[in-house]
Protein backbone atom coordinates (compact mmCIF):
# COMPACT_ATOMS: atom_id res chain seq x y z
CA MET A 1 11.82 15.30 2.28
CA LYS A 2 8.10 15.05 3.03
CA VAL A 3 5.69 14.25 0.18
CA LEU A 4 1.91 13.88 0.03
CA LEU A 5 0.51 11.30 -2.38
CA ALA A 6 -3.18 11.66 -3.30
CA GLU A 7 -4.21 8.39 -4.96
CA ASP A 8 -7.32 6.28 -4.43
CA ASN A 9 -6.12 2.99 -5.93
CA ILE A 10 -4.40 0.80 -3.33
CA VAL A 11 -2.13 -0.97 -5.84
CA ASN A 12 -1.00 2.32 -7.35
CA GLN A 13 -0.44 3.67 -3.84
CA GLU A 14 1.99 0.86 -3.07
CA VAL A 15 3.85 1.26 -6.37
CA VAL A 16 4.36 5.00 -5.98
CA LYS A 17 5.21 4.64 -2.27
CA ALA A 18 7.85 2.08 -3.19
CA MET A 19 9.37 4.26 -5.89
CA LEU A 20 9.50 7.29 -3.59
CA GLY A 21 10.38 5.42 -0.41
CA GLN A 22 13.43 3.81 -1.96
CA ARG A 23 14.63 7.28 -2.85
CA GLY A 24 14.64 8.14 0.85
CA ILE A 25 11.41 10.15 0.81
CA ASP A 26 8.84 10.32 3.62
CA VAL A 27 5.52 9.53 1.89
CA HIS A 28 2.06 10.29 3.32
CA VAL A 29 -1.03 8.97 1.50
CA VAL A 30 -4.60 10.21 1.17
CA GLU A 31 -7.33 8.61 -0.94
CA ASN A 32 -9.14 11.61 -2.42
CA GLY A 33 -8.77 15.26 -3.27
CA LYS A 34 -10.76 16.55 -0.32
CA ALA A 35 -8.40 14.84 2.11
CA ALA A 36 -5.45 16.20 0.13
CA VAL A 37 -6.73 19.77 0.53
CA GLN A 38 -7.08 19.31 4.28
CA ARG A 39 -3.59 17.87 4.69
CA VAL A 40 -1.84 20.40 2.44
CA LEU A 41 -3.38 23.37 4.24
CA SER A 42 -2.67 22.02 7.74
CA GLU A 43 0.79 20.44 7.31
CA ARG A 44 4.04 21.29 5.60
CA PHE A 45 4.89 19.22 2.51
CA ASP A 46 7.76 19.69 0.10
CA LEU A 47 5.78 18.27 -2.80
CA VAL A 48 2.35 16.87 -3.65
CA PHE A 49 1.71 14.10 -6.17
CA MET A 50 -1.94 14.45 -7.17
CA ASP A 51 -3.87 11.78 -9.05
CA VAL A 52 -6.26 13.50 -11.45
CA GLN A 53 -9.17 11.05 -11.29
CA MET A 54 -10.32 10.36 -7.72
CA PRO A 55 -13.65 10.02 -5.84
CA VAL A 56 -15.16 12.69 -3.54
CA MET A 57 -13.01 15.43 -5.10
CA ASP A 58 -10.78 14.91 -8.12
CA GLY A 59 -7.24 16.21 -8.52
CA ILE A 60 -8.24 19.21 -10.64
CA GLU A 61 -10.83 20.39 -8.10
CA ALA A 62 -8.43 19.79 -5.21
CA THR A 63 -5.66 21.80 -6.85
CA LEU A 64 -8.03 24.69 -7.61
CA GLU A 65 -9.12 24.75 -3.95
CA ILE A 66 -5.54 24.58 -2.66
CA ARG A 67 -4.50 27.47 -4.91
CA ARG A 68 -7.58 29.46 -3.86
CA GLN A 69 -6.80 28.99 -0.17
CA GLU A 70 -3.13 29.83 -0.72
CA SER A 71 -4.15 33.07 -2.43
CA LEU A 72 -6.07 33.95 0.75
CA GLY A 73 -2.97 33.35 2.86
CA THR A 74 -3.79 29.85 4.12
CA PHE A 75 -0.53 27.89 4.07
CA GLY A 76 0.66 24.59 5.46
CA ARG A 77 4.15 25.75 4.48
CA LEU A 78 5.95 28.92 5.52
CA SER A 79 4.62 31.82 3.50
CA SER A 80 8.20 32.61 2.45
CA GLU A 81 8.38 29.21 0.74
CA GLY A 82 5.45 29.99 -1.52
CA PRO A 83 2.74 27.62 -2.80
CA VAL A 84 3.41 23.91 -2.55
CA PRO A 85 4.48 22.33 -5.87
CA ILE A 86 1.76 19.97 -7.16
CA ILE A 87 2.58 17.25 -9.69
CA ALA A 88 -0.25 15.66 -11.67
CA LEU A 89 -0.42 11.87 -11.94
CA THR A 90 -2.63 10.57 -14.73
CA ALA A 91 -2.93 7.86 -17.34
CA HIS A 92 -4.30 10.47 -19.77
CA VAL A 93 -1.35 12.02 -21.58
CA LEU A 94 -3.03 14.02 -24.36
CA HIS A 95 -2.22 17.70 -24.79
CA GLN A 96 -5.65 18.79 -23.56
CA ASP A 97 -5.22 16.70 -20.40
CA ARG A 98 -1.90 18.39 -19.65
CA ALA A 99 -3.49 21.78 -20.32
CA ARG A 100 -6.28 21.13 -17.79
CA CYS A 101 -3.69 20.26 -15.13
CA PHE A 102 -1.62 23.38 -15.71
CA GLU A 103 -4.67 25.65 -15.90
CA ALA A 104 -5.77 24.35 -12.49
CA GLY A 105 -2.44 25.42 -11.00
CA MET A 106 -0.43 22.22 -11.11
CA ASN A 107 3.30 22.65 -11.66
CA ASP A 108 4.24 19.54 -13.59
CA PHE A 109 2.88 16.32 -15.06
CA LEU A 110 3.80 12.63 -14.83
CA GLY A 111 2.08 9.94 -16.86
CA LYS A 112 1.16 6.49 -15.54
CA PRO A 113 2.85 4.13 -15.16
CA LEU A 114 5.55 6.23 -13.59
CA ASP A 115 8.90 6.34 -15.33
CA GLY A 116 11.84 6.30 -12.93
CA ASP A 117 13.88 8.84 -14.87
CA ALA A 118 10.94 11.24 -15.13
CA LEU A 119 10.18 10.85 -11.41
CA THR A 120 13.76 11.64 -10.44
CA GLY A 121 13.74 14.63 -12.78
CA VAL A 122 10.60 16.02 -11.14
CA LEU A 123 12.04 15.53 -7.65
CA ARG A 124 15.26 17.32 -8.54
CA LYS A 125 13.39 20.12 -10.32
CA TRP A 126 10.74 20.91 -7.71
CA ALA A 127 12.43 19.81 -4.49
CA PRO A 128 16.18 20.17 -5.09
CA ALA A 129 16.89 19.98 -1.38
CA SER A 130 15.66 16.38 -1.38
CA GLY A 131 19.14 15.04 -2.00
CA VAL A 132 18.09 12.79 -4.91
CA SER A 133 21.32 12.12 -6.74
CA PRO A 134 21.76 12.01 -10.53
CA SER A 135 22.57 8.30 -10.29
CA GLU A 136 18.99 7.65 -9.13
CA ALA A 137 17.82 8.49 -12.64
CA ASN A 138 19.27 5.22 -13.87
CA ARG A 139 17.30 3.11 -11.41
CA GLY A 140 13.80 3.59 -12.75
CA CYS A 141 11.51 1.68 -15.05
CA PRO A 142 11.57 1.62 -18.86
CA ASP A 143 9.85 4.36 -20.84
CA ALA A 144 6.07 3.99 -20.52
CA GLU A 145 5.28 4.07 -24.22
CA GLY A 146 8.15 1.74 -25.08
CA SER A 147 7.00 -0.74 -22.46
CA PHE A 148 3.68 -1.21 -24.21
CA ALA A 149 4.97 -1.84 -27.71
CA SER A 150 3.29 -5.25 -27.78
CA SER A 151 -0.23 -5.68 -26.40
CA LEU A 152 0.28 -9.47 -26.59
CA VAL A 153 2.66 -9.56 -23.63
CA ILE A 154 0.86 -10.92 -20.56
CA TRP A 155 3.38 -9.60 -18.06
CA ASP A 156 6.48 -7.47 -18.42
CA ARG A 157 7.89 -8.69 -15.14
CA GLU A 158 11.31 -7.14 -15.73
CA ALA A 159 9.73 -3.69 -15.98
CA PHE A 160 7.68 -4.38 -12.84
CA ALA A 161 10.78 -5.50 -10.92
CA GLU A 162 12.75 -2.45 -12.04
CA ARG A 163 9.87 -0.16 -11.06
CA MET A 164 10.09 -1.71 -7.58
CA LEU A 165 13.91 -1.36 -7.67
CA ASN A 166 14.05 -5.17 -7.33
CA ASN A 167 13.01 -4.96 -3.68
CA ILE A 168 11.62 -8.43 -2.90
CA ALA A 169 9.67 -7.35 0.20
CA VAL A 170 7.93 -4.57 -1.71
CA MET A 171 7.15 -6.84 -4.67
CA GLU A 172 5.64 -9.45 -2.36
CA LYS A 173 3.45 -6.81 -0.71
CA VAL A 174 2.25 -5.39 -4.04
CA ARG A 175 1.58 -8.91 -5.36
CA ALA A 176 -0.58 -9.82 -2.35
CA ILE A 177 -2.67 -6.68 -2.76
CA ALA A 178 -2.99 -7.09 -6.53
CA LEU A 179 -4.12 -10.72 -6.32
CA ASP A 180 -7.08 -9.68 -4.17
CA PHE A 181 -7.91 -6.27 -5.53
CA LEU A 182 -7.58 -6.70 -9.30
CA PRO A 183 -10.14 -9.54 -9.72
CA GLU A 184 -12.47 -7.69 -7.36
CA GLN A 185 -12.34 -4.56 -9.50
CA ILE A 186 -13.10 -6.59 -12.62
CA ARG A 187 -16.16 -8.09 -10.91
CA ASN A 188 -17.25 -4.57 -9.96
CA LEU A 189 -16.77 -3.40 -13.55
CA LYS A 190 -18.92 -6.20 -14.96
CA GLN A 191 -21.67 -5.50 -12.44
CA ALA A 192 -21.65 -1.81 -13.36
CA ILE A 193 -21.84 -2.64 -17.06
CA SER A 194 -24.69 -5.12 -16.55
CA GLY A 195 -26.48 -2.48 -14.47
CA ARG A 196 -25.93 0.05 -17.26
CA ASN A 197 -24.18 2.49 -14.94
CA SER A 198 -21.67 3.90 -17.38
CA GLU A 199 -20.16 6.47 -15.02
CA ILE A 200 -19.29 3.89 -12.38
CA ALA A 201 -18.13 1.42 -15.05
CA ARG A 202 -15.84 4.08 -16.51
CA ASP A 203 -14.23 4.68 -13.10
CA PHE A 204 -13.69 0.95 -12.49
CA VAL A 205 -12.14 0.27 -15.89
CA HIS A 206 -9.91 3.34 -15.56
CA ASP A 207 -8.76 1.93 -12.21
CA ILE A 208 -8.06 -1.47 -13.78
CA LYS A 209 -6.10 0.11 -16.62
CA GLY A 210 -3.95 2.07 -14.19
CA MET A 211 -3.25 -0.95 -12.00
CA ALA A 212 -2.37 -3.09 -15.01
CA ALA A 213 0.02 -0.46 -16.30
CA ASN A 214 1.84 -0.16 -12.97
CA LEU A 215 2.02 -3.94 -12.59
CA GLY A 216 3.32 -4.49 -16.12
CA ALA A 217 0.21 -6.46 -17.15
CA LEU A 218 0.36 -5.25 -20.72
CA ALA A 219 -2.37 -7.34 -22.37
CA LEU A 220 -4.76 -6.56 -19.53
CA LYS A 221 -3.93 -2.88 -19.78
CA GLY A 222 -4.64 -2.97 -23.52
CA ILE A 223 -8.09 -4.56 -23.30
CA ALA A 224 -9.04 -2.32 -20.35
CA GLU A 225 -8.08 0.70 -22.44
CA LYS A 226 -10.28 -0.53 -25.29
CA ILE A 227 -13.27 -1.01 -22.95
CA GLU A 228 -12.70 2.41 -21.41
CA GLN A 229 -12.75 4.04 -24.85
CA CYS A 230 -16.06 2.32 -25.64
CA ILE A 231 -17.63 3.52 -22.41
CA ARG A 232 -16.37 7.08 -22.87
CA SER A 233 -17.72 7.11 -26.42
CA GLY A 234 -21.13 5.86 -25.29
CA LEU A 235 -20.73 2.60 -27.21
CA PRO A 236 -21.81 -0.80 -25.85
CA VAL A 237 -19.07 -3.00 -24.42
CA GLU A 238 -18.78 -6.17 -26.47
CA VAL A 239 -19.18 -9.53 -24.71
CA ALA A 240 -16.02 -10.67 -26.48
CA ASP A 241 -14.06 -7.82 -24.89
CA LEU A 242 -15.27 -8.75 -21.41
CA LYS A 243 -14.26 -12.36 -22.05
CA GLN A 244 -10.84 -11.13 -23.21
CA LEU A 245 -10.58 -9.04 -20.04
CA ASP A 246 -11.25 -12.15 -17.93
CA PHE A 247 -8.77 -14.20 -19.93
CA ASP A 248 -5.99 -11.63 -19.70
CA CYS A 249 -6.62 -11.12 -15.99
CA LYS A 250 -6.46 -14.86 -15.28
CA ALA A 251 -3.31 -15.23 -17.36
CA PHE A 252 -1.64 -12.36 -15.52
CA VAL A 253 -2.75 -13.62 -12.10
CA ASP A 254 -1.35 -17.07 -12.91
CA CYS A 255 1.98 -15.48 -13.85
CA LEU A 256 1.99 -13.34 -10.72
CA LYS A 257 1.24 -16.31 -8.46
CA GLY A 258 3.90 -18.46 -10.05
CA TRP A 259 6.85 -16.07 -10.08
CA GLU A 260 9.46 -16.46 -7.34
CA PHE A 261 10.83 -13.04 -6.39
CA ALA A 262 14.46 -13.99 -6.00
């Protein structure tokens, strides 16, 4: 089974690649919607996982363009197979967010962080020839909402390990990327806020929130979500919240550095 993943965040790329790869799926990655359009219309894919919020061209715009081209007879797949199924990936799970995805021509919807059961269900529903067995449904991560019951938890490492199917090599790779990329994104966020560039700040904090969710950094995810809501509402970000962001990031990084994957 050949799948295209459109996702700009490198940590999220590795998480989703791990979850799909360990289900025996051939995963190809692009970093924005424009690249996704080009690949989908020139190659055959069984399924596309499309992040909604990306640079250059977002997932909604990319899906609209893919559907437009398909309506004109431009196919990467055999015309007899019909349009490629597109699955939305987004941290926004409100009804209106789902509606936007479906109106653009997406076929289904998965919230971030990915739930293993939901992922398996989507694979079996939209690509039944993939050979994903029912037993795979029991190998995923805990329910996303249930995982975040307590915003005081620095790291839900059990959920992270289960999301990675306890593959030590994959966890080591994701950890190495996260240790570099997460602090860098927080520095970028603070620079954008100090420069009063709310649009860029919103993108950085959304990125941080998504990474934290996939990594199981629950406290960090919570404070990032709070900052994102402030920015989206046009409210100033409190100094105390930025200090909390730094504190929760350092605490999570310390946990991540100290854990032996064994």
